[in-house]
N, C-alpha and C. Protein backbone atom coordinates (compact mmCIF):
# COMPACT_ATOMS: atom_id res chain seq x y z
N MET A 1 104.99 95.76 63.11
CA MET A 1 104.94 94.87 62.69
C MET A 1 104.58 94.94 61.64
N GLN A 2 105.47 93.78 60.61
CA GLN A 2 104.84 93.71 59.26
C GLN A 2 103.46 92.75 59.03
N LYS A 3 102.56 93.70 58.78
CA LYS A 3 101.21 93.50 57.71
C LYS A 3 101.28 92.26 56.37
N TRP A 4 100.51 91.30 56.93
CA TRP A 4 100.77 90.12 55.85
C TRP A 4 99.25 89.97 55.17
N LYS A 5 98.41 90.99 55.46
CA LYS A 5 97.07 90.50 55.26
C LYS A 5 96.58 90.31 53.70
N ASN A 6 97.70 90.82 53.06
CA ASN A 6 97.24 91.17 51.47
C ASN A 6 97.68 89.75 50.69
N TYR A 7 98.90 89.08 51.22
CA TYR A 7 99.46 87.90 50.91
C TYR A 7 98.24 86.29 51.21
N PRO A 8 98.47 85.83 50.18
CA PRO A 8 97.32 84.74 49.99
C PRO A 8 97.67 83.35 51.23
N GLY A 9 97.09 83.38 52.14
CA GLY A 9 97.17 82.17 53.09
C GLY A 9 97.60 83.03 54.20
N LEU A 10 97.92 84.04 54.14
CA LEU A 10 98.33 84.46 55.38
C LEU A 10 97.16 85.83 56.04
N THR A 11 97.68 85.90 57.46
CA THR A 11 95.79 87.01 57.84
C THR A 11 96.70 88.11 58.65
N GLY A 12 96.11 89.19 58.55
CA GLY A 12 96.10 90.04 59.48
C GLY A 12 97.84 90.52 60.32
N GLU A 13 98.41 90.62 61.59
CA GLU A 13 99.29 90.90 62.07
C GLU A 13 100.14 90.17 62.48
N GLN A 14 101.16 89.54 61.77
CA GLN A 14 102.21 88.67 62.34
C GLN A 14 102.73 88.77 63.62
N LYS A 15 103.65 87.72 64.77
CA LYS A 15 103.96 88.33 65.47
C LYS A 15 105.46 87.87 65.49
N LEU A 16 106.39 87.89 64.81
CA LEU A 16 107.63 87.52 64.57
C LEU A 16 107.97 88.45 63.47
N TRP A 17 109.62 89.29 63.53
CA TRP A 17 110.65 89.41 62.58
C TRP A 17 110.87 88.50 62.29
N VAL A 18 111.50 88.41 60.63
CA VAL A 18 112.30 87.80 60.16
C VAL A 18 113.48 88.10 59.77
N LYS A 19 114.75 87.18 59.97
CA LYS A 19 116.12 87.45 60.05
C LYS A 19 116.94 86.49 58.99
N THR A 20 117.09 87.09 57.81
CA THR A 20 117.51 86.56 57.02
C THR A 20 119.25 86.40 56.86
N PRO A 21 120.21 85.64 56.61
CA PRO A 21 121.89 86.30 56.16
C PRO A 21 122.09 87.37 55.59
N VAL A 22 123.19 87.57 55.60
CA VAL A 22 123.18 88.61 54.54
C VAL A 22 124.29 88.42 53.59
N ASP A 23 123.95 88.61 52.33
CA ASP A 23 124.74 87.78 51.33
C ASP A 23 125.08 89.06 50.21
N PRO A 24 126.41 89.81 50.62
CA PRO A 24 127.26 90.61 49.88
C PRO A 24 126.33 90.65 48.19
N ALA A 25 126.82 89.21 47.79
CA ALA A 25 127.05 88.94 46.72
C ALA A 25 125.19 88.96 45.94
N GLY A 26 124.06 88.95 46.59
CA GLY A 26 123.12 89.04 46.76
C GLY A 26 122.46 90.92 46.77
N ALA A 27 123.21 91.44 46.91
CA ALA A 27 122.68 92.99 46.99
C ALA A 27 121.73 93.67 45.90
N GLY A 28 120.77 94.57 46.47
CA GLY A 28 120.31 94.78 45.40
C GLY A 28 119.03 94.26 44.84
N ARG A 29 118.77 92.67 45.19
CA ARG A 29 118.04 91.80 44.89
C ARG A 29 116.50 91.73 45.41
N ASP A 30 116.18 92.89 46.49
CA ASP A 30 115.45 93.05 47.16
C ASP A 30 114.41 94.20 46.49
N GLY A 31 115.47 94.72 45.54
CA GLY A 31 114.59 96.16 45.14
C GLY A 31 115.06 97.26 45.69
N LEU A 32 115.44 96.93 47.31
CA LEU A 32 115.22 98.18 48.32
C LEU A 32 116.66 99.17 47.37
N ALA A 33 117.99 98.33 46.92
CA ALA A 33 119.26 98.98 46.43
C ALA A 33 119.18 100.09 45.10
N SER A 34 118.23 99.62 44.18
CA SER A 34 117.83 100.27 42.96
C SER A 34 116.35 101.10 42.87
N CYS A 35 116.49 102.07 41.88
CA CYS A 35 115.60 102.76 41.71
C CYS A 35 114.32 101.80 40.52
N GLU A 36 113.13 101.99 40.71
CA GLU A 36 112.41 101.37 39.58
C GLU A 36 112.28 101.69 38.51
N ARG A 37 112.95 103.22 38.34
CA ARG A 37 113.20 104.37 37.09
C ARG A 37 114.30 104.63 37.05
N PRO A 38 115.46 104.61 36.47
CA PRO A 38 116.97 105.32 36.63
C PRO A 38 116.17 106.99 36.35
N PHE A 39 117.02 107.52 36.89
CA PHE A 39 116.58 108.97 36.75
C PHE A 39 116.78 109.59 35.22
N ASP A 40 117.72 108.61 34.40
CA ASP A 40 118.11 108.62 33.23
C ASP A 40 116.61 108.97 32.16
N SER A 41 115.43 108.15 32.41
CA SER A 41 114.34 108.16 32.13
C SER A 41 113.60 109.61 32.10
N PHE A 42 113.88 110.36 33.08
CA PHE A 42 113.18 111.30 33.58
C PHE A 42 113.37 112.29 32.17
N GLY A 43 112.06 113.32 31.90
CA GLY A 43 112.28 114.02 31.05
C GLY A 43 112.65 115.43 31.59
N THR A 44 112.08 116.46 30.60
CA THR A 44 112.32 118.06 31.62
C THR A 44 111.11 118.49 32.65
N ALA A 45 111.63 118.65 34.02
CA ALA A 45 110.73 119.27 34.73
C ALA A 45 110.52 120.53 34.39
N ARG A 46 108.98 120.62 34.85
CA ARG A 46 108.38 121.82 34.25
C ARG A 46 107.89 122.38 35.89
N LYS A 47 107.20 123.66 36.08
CA LYS A 47 106.60 124.02 36.89
C LYS A 47 104.88 123.78 36.78
N GLY A 48 104.47 122.81 38.10
CA GLY A 48 103.16 122.78 37.79
C GLY A 48 102.65 123.10 38.72
N GLY A 49 102.69 124.75 39.45
CA GLY A 49 101.77 125.16 39.87
C GLY A 49 102.33 125.11 41.64
N SER A 50 101.08 125.30 42.57
CA SER A 50 101.18 125.45 44.06
C SER A 50 100.02 124.55 44.13
N ALA A 51 100.44 124.11 46.03
CA ALA A 51 99.70 122.88 46.21
C ALA A 51 99.75 122.83 47.89
N ARG A 52 99.34 122.16 48.32
CA ARG A 52 99.36 122.14 49.71
C ARG A 52 99.37 120.55 50.35
N VAL A 53 100.32 120.08 50.83
CA VAL A 53 100.80 118.56 51.31
C VAL A 53 100.66 118.89 52.80
N GLU A 54 99.87 118.04 53.50
CA GLU A 54 99.47 117.79 54.80
C GLU A 54 99.64 119.29 55.35
N GLY A 55 99.09 120.26 54.98
CA GLY A 55 99.20 121.94 55.38
C GLY A 55 100.54 122.87 55.05
N THR A 56 101.00 121.83 54.55
CA THR A 56 102.52 122.73 53.94
C THR A 56 102.25 122.93 52.70
N LYS A 57 102.79 124.37 52.55
CA LYS A 57 102.53 125.26 51.28
C LYS A 57 103.85 124.19 49.99
N ALA A 58 103.39 124.15 48.72
CA ALA A 58 104.61 123.00 48.01
C ALA A 58 104.46 123.42 46.78
N VAL A 59 105.55 123.44 46.13
CA VAL A 59 105.56 123.54 44.38
C VAL A 59 105.65 122.34 44.16
N LYS A 60 104.47 121.97 43.01
CA LYS A 60 104.49 120.76 42.27
C LYS A 60 105.73 121.18 41.22
N LEU A 61 106.32 119.83 40.98
CA LEU A 61 107.29 120.08 39.85
C LEU A 61 106.68 118.55 39.01
N VAL A 62 106.55 118.46 37.48
CA VAL A 62 106.03 117.39 36.97
C VAL A 62 106.88 116.81 35.50
N VAL A 63 107.30 115.93 35.27
CA VAL A 63 108.21 115.15 35.19
C VAL A 63 107.34 114.22 34.41
N THR A 64 107.70 114.12 32.83
CA THR A 64 107.42 112.99 31.98
C THR A 64 108.42 111.73 32.03
N ASP A 65 107.90 111.00 32.64
CA ASP A 65 108.61 109.80 32.21
C ASP A 65 109.17 109.12 30.73
N LYS A 66 110.68 109.17 30.36
CA LYS A 66 110.75 109.30 29.04
C LYS A 66 110.44 107.54 28.36
N ALA A 67 111.09 106.33 29.67
CA ALA A 67 110.45 105.34 29.29
C ALA A 67 109.27 104.80 29.09
N ASP A 68 108.30 105.78 29.73
CA ASP A 68 107.06 105.22 29.68
C ASP A 68 106.06 106.86 29.73
N LYS A 69 106.34 106.78 28.00
CA LYS A 69 105.51 108.23 27.62
C LYS A 69 104.07 108.60 28.38
N ALA A 70 103.63 107.90 28.70
CA ALA A 70 101.61 107.91 29.21
C ALA A 70 102.27 107.99 31.03
N GLY A 71 103.86 108.12 31.39
CA GLY A 71 103.98 107.95 32.75
C GLY A 71 104.30 109.59 33.06
N THR A 72 103.85 109.96 33.97
CA THR A 72 104.64 111.25 34.98
C THR A 72 104.59 111.26 36.23
N TYR A 73 105.88 112.03 36.81
CA TYR A 73 106.16 111.96 38.24
C TYR A 73 105.53 113.31 38.64
N THR A 74 105.19 113.64 39.65
CA THR A 74 105.20 114.92 40.51
C THR A 74 105.26 114.64 41.52
N PHE A 75 106.82 115.94 41.86
CA PHE A 75 107.24 115.84 43.03
C PHE A 75 106.62 117.00 43.61
N TYR A 76 106.21 117.01 44.76
CA TYR A 76 106.12 118.11 45.81
C TYR A 76 106.80 118.64 46.75
N VAL A 77 107.19 120.00 46.46
CA VAL A 77 108.78 120.39 47.40
C VAL A 77 108.00 121.52 48.29
N ALA A 78 108.76 121.32 49.71
CA ALA A 78 108.20 122.43 50.18
C ALA A 78 108.60 123.79 49.85
N ALA A 79 107.32 124.52 49.58
CA ALA A 79 108.03 126.17 49.23
C ALA A 79 108.43 126.91 50.19
N GLU A 80 108.18 126.52 51.20
CA GLU A 80 109.16 127.68 52.73
C GLU A 80 110.02 127.10 53.27
N GLY A 81 110.70 127.63 53.95
CA GLY A 81 111.77 126.82 54.52
C GLY A 81 112.86 126.03 53.52
N LYS A 82 113.70 124.94 54.65
CA LYS A 82 114.28 123.64 53.93
C LYS A 82 113.63 122.94 52.21
N PRO A 83 114.06 122.74 51.46
CA PRO A 83 113.04 122.54 50.37
C PRO A 83 112.68 121.01 50.23
N TYR A 84 112.44 120.57 51.47
CA TYR A 84 112.10 118.74 51.55
C TYR A 84 111.04 118.53 50.48
N LEU A 85 111.38 117.51 49.95
CA LEU A 85 110.76 116.97 49.00
C LEU A 85 109.52 116.17 50.15
N LEU A 86 108.34 116.37 49.81
CA LEU A 86 106.95 115.82 50.75
C LEU A 86 106.20 114.98 49.99
N ARG A 87 106.21 115.14 48.98
CA ARG A 87 105.39 113.69 48.56
C ARG A 87 105.92 113.42 46.95
N THR A 88 105.78 112.64 45.91
CA THR A 88 106.30 112.07 44.82
C THR A 88 104.67 111.05 44.39
N VAL A 89 104.52 111.77 43.48
CA VAL A 89 103.21 110.66 43.07
C VAL A 89 103.78 110.33 41.52
N TYR A 90 103.04 109.32 41.05
CA TYR A 90 103.59 108.77 39.94
C TYR A 90 102.10 107.89 39.09
N LYS A 91 102.06 108.82 37.78
CA LYS A 91 100.55 108.23 37.02
C LYS A 91 101.27 107.57 35.81
N SER A 92 100.67 106.10 35.58
CA SER A 92 100.76 105.77 33.77
C SER A 92 99.32 105.47 34.05
N ALA A 93 99.41 104.88 32.75
CA ALA A 93 97.77 103.89 32.28
C ALA A 93 98.17 102.55 33.20
N ALA A 94 99.11 102.02 33.33
CA ALA A 94 99.50 100.93 34.43
C ALA A 94 99.16 100.93 36.13
N GLN A 95 99.78 102.01 36.29
CA GLN A 95 100.22 102.24 37.70
C GLN A 95 100.29 103.73 38.28
N HIS A 96 99.59 104.18 39.72
CA HIS A 96 99.67 104.76 40.42
C HIS A 96 99.89 104.68 41.73
N THR A 97 101.14 105.51 41.95
CA THR A 97 101.49 104.98 43.30
C THR A 97 102.03 106.73 43.88
N THR A 98 101.51 106.81 45.04
CA THR A 98 102.08 108.34 46.07
C THR A 98 103.05 107.53 47.18
N THR A 99 103.79 108.44 47.18
CA THR A 99 104.66 108.15 48.31
C THR A 99 105.26 109.72 48.66
N SER A 100 104.78 109.70 50.24
CA SER A 100 105.00 111.01 51.14
C SER A 100 105.93 111.18 52.38
N PHE A 101 106.71 111.68 52.66
CA PHE A 101 107.46 111.89 53.53
C PHE A 101 107.25 113.16 54.35
N SER A 102 107.67 112.83 56.10
CA SER A 102 106.77 113.96 56.62
C SER A 102 108.38 114.07 57.91
N ASP A 103 108.10 114.38 59.13
CA ASP A 103 108.50 114.60 60.55
C ASP A 103 110.19 114.56 60.18
N PHE A 104 110.88 115.58 59.12
CA PHE A 104 112.30 115.90 58.69
C PHE A 104 112.83 116.47 59.97
N ASP A 105 114.39 116.09 60.53
CA ASP A 105 114.56 116.43 61.19
C ASP A 105 114.27 115.70 62.68
N GLU A 106 113.48 114.87 62.44
CA GLU A 106 112.91 114.53 63.81
C GLU A 106 113.69 113.00 64.42
N PRO A 107 114.12 112.51 65.45
CA PRO A 107 114.41 111.26 65.61
C PRO A 107 113.77 110.01 65.52
N LEU A 108 113.89 108.76 65.33
CA LEU A 108 113.32 108.19 64.92
C LEU A 108 113.01 107.36 66.22
N GLY A 109 111.93 106.89 66.21
CA GLY A 109 111.85 105.53 67.60
C GLY A 109 111.63 104.23 66.93
N ILE A 110 113.38 103.86 66.45
CA ILE A 110 113.12 103.08 66.13
C ILE A 110 113.85 101.63 67.52
N ARG A 111 113.40 100.67 67.94
CA ARG A 111 114.03 99.96 68.50
C ARG A 111 114.59 98.56 67.73
N ALA A 112 115.38 97.94 68.08
CA ALA A 112 115.32 96.18 67.45
C ALA A 112 114.62 95.47 68.40
N PRO A 113 114.07 94.31 67.52
CA PRO A 113 113.36 93.75 68.14
C PRO A 113 113.71 92.65 69.37
N LYS A 114 112.86 92.05 70.24
CA LYS A 114 113.50 91.62 71.28
C LYS A 114 113.69 89.76 70.73
N ALA A 115 114.94 88.81 71.33
CA ALA A 115 115.24 88.09 71.07
C ALA A 115 114.12 87.34 70.28
N GLY A 116 112.72 87.03 71.07
CA GLY A 116 111.87 86.13 71.47
C GLY A 116 111.03 86.67 70.16
N GLU A 117 110.99 87.98 69.81
CA GLU A 117 110.17 88.04 68.20
C GLU A 117 110.97 88.21 67.26
N VAL A 118 112.25 87.09 66.99
CA VAL A 118 112.71 87.09 65.30
C VAL A 118 112.83 85.70 65.60
N LEU A 119 112.44 85.55 64.15
CA LEU A 119 112.37 84.01 63.70
C LEU A 119 114.02 84.26 62.79
N SER A 120 114.80 83.26 63.05
CA SER A 120 116.01 83.13 62.51
C SER A 120 115.43 81.95 61.04
N VAL A 121 115.81 82.53 59.74
CA VAL A 121 115.82 81.80 58.24
C VAL A 121 117.17 81.00 58.38
N PRO A 122 117.37 80.17 58.40
CA PRO A 122 119.00 79.55 57.82
C PRO A 122 119.38 79.65 56.19
N GLY A 123 120.42 79.71 55.84
CA GLY A 123 120.19 80.15 54.20
C GLY A 123 119.82 80.89 53.42
N GLY A 124 119.85 81.05 52.70
CA GLY A 124 119.66 82.15 51.78
C GLY A 124 118.93 82.09 50.56
N SER A 125 118.23 82.83 49.34
CA SER A 125 117.54 82.62 48.74
C SER A 125 118.23 83.47 47.27
């Protein structure tokens, strides 16, 4: 279930999933269909040495963000076996984000919520 504790007026774990209508005209408005930074804003990648990510040997690739000269991406790529992207770190004066990836080639334990766990919202925004 989605945690809402960081939103004003909402606390803890909510008990319902929210189902909203799908509107093809609104595709991408949720931010999931597009990158925050377009790839053409990436500068040249340079090797940043070796590291370990959750016990896995990795190679660091450091890329400067041309759109924000103070911003850098560090991509951690598995050094052995398949070159999976293990972690991405973005740092700038205004932002620091880390995204980690794991359990490659493993099945996902996904289940649709039961009907009683879904709140349908009419219309759309």
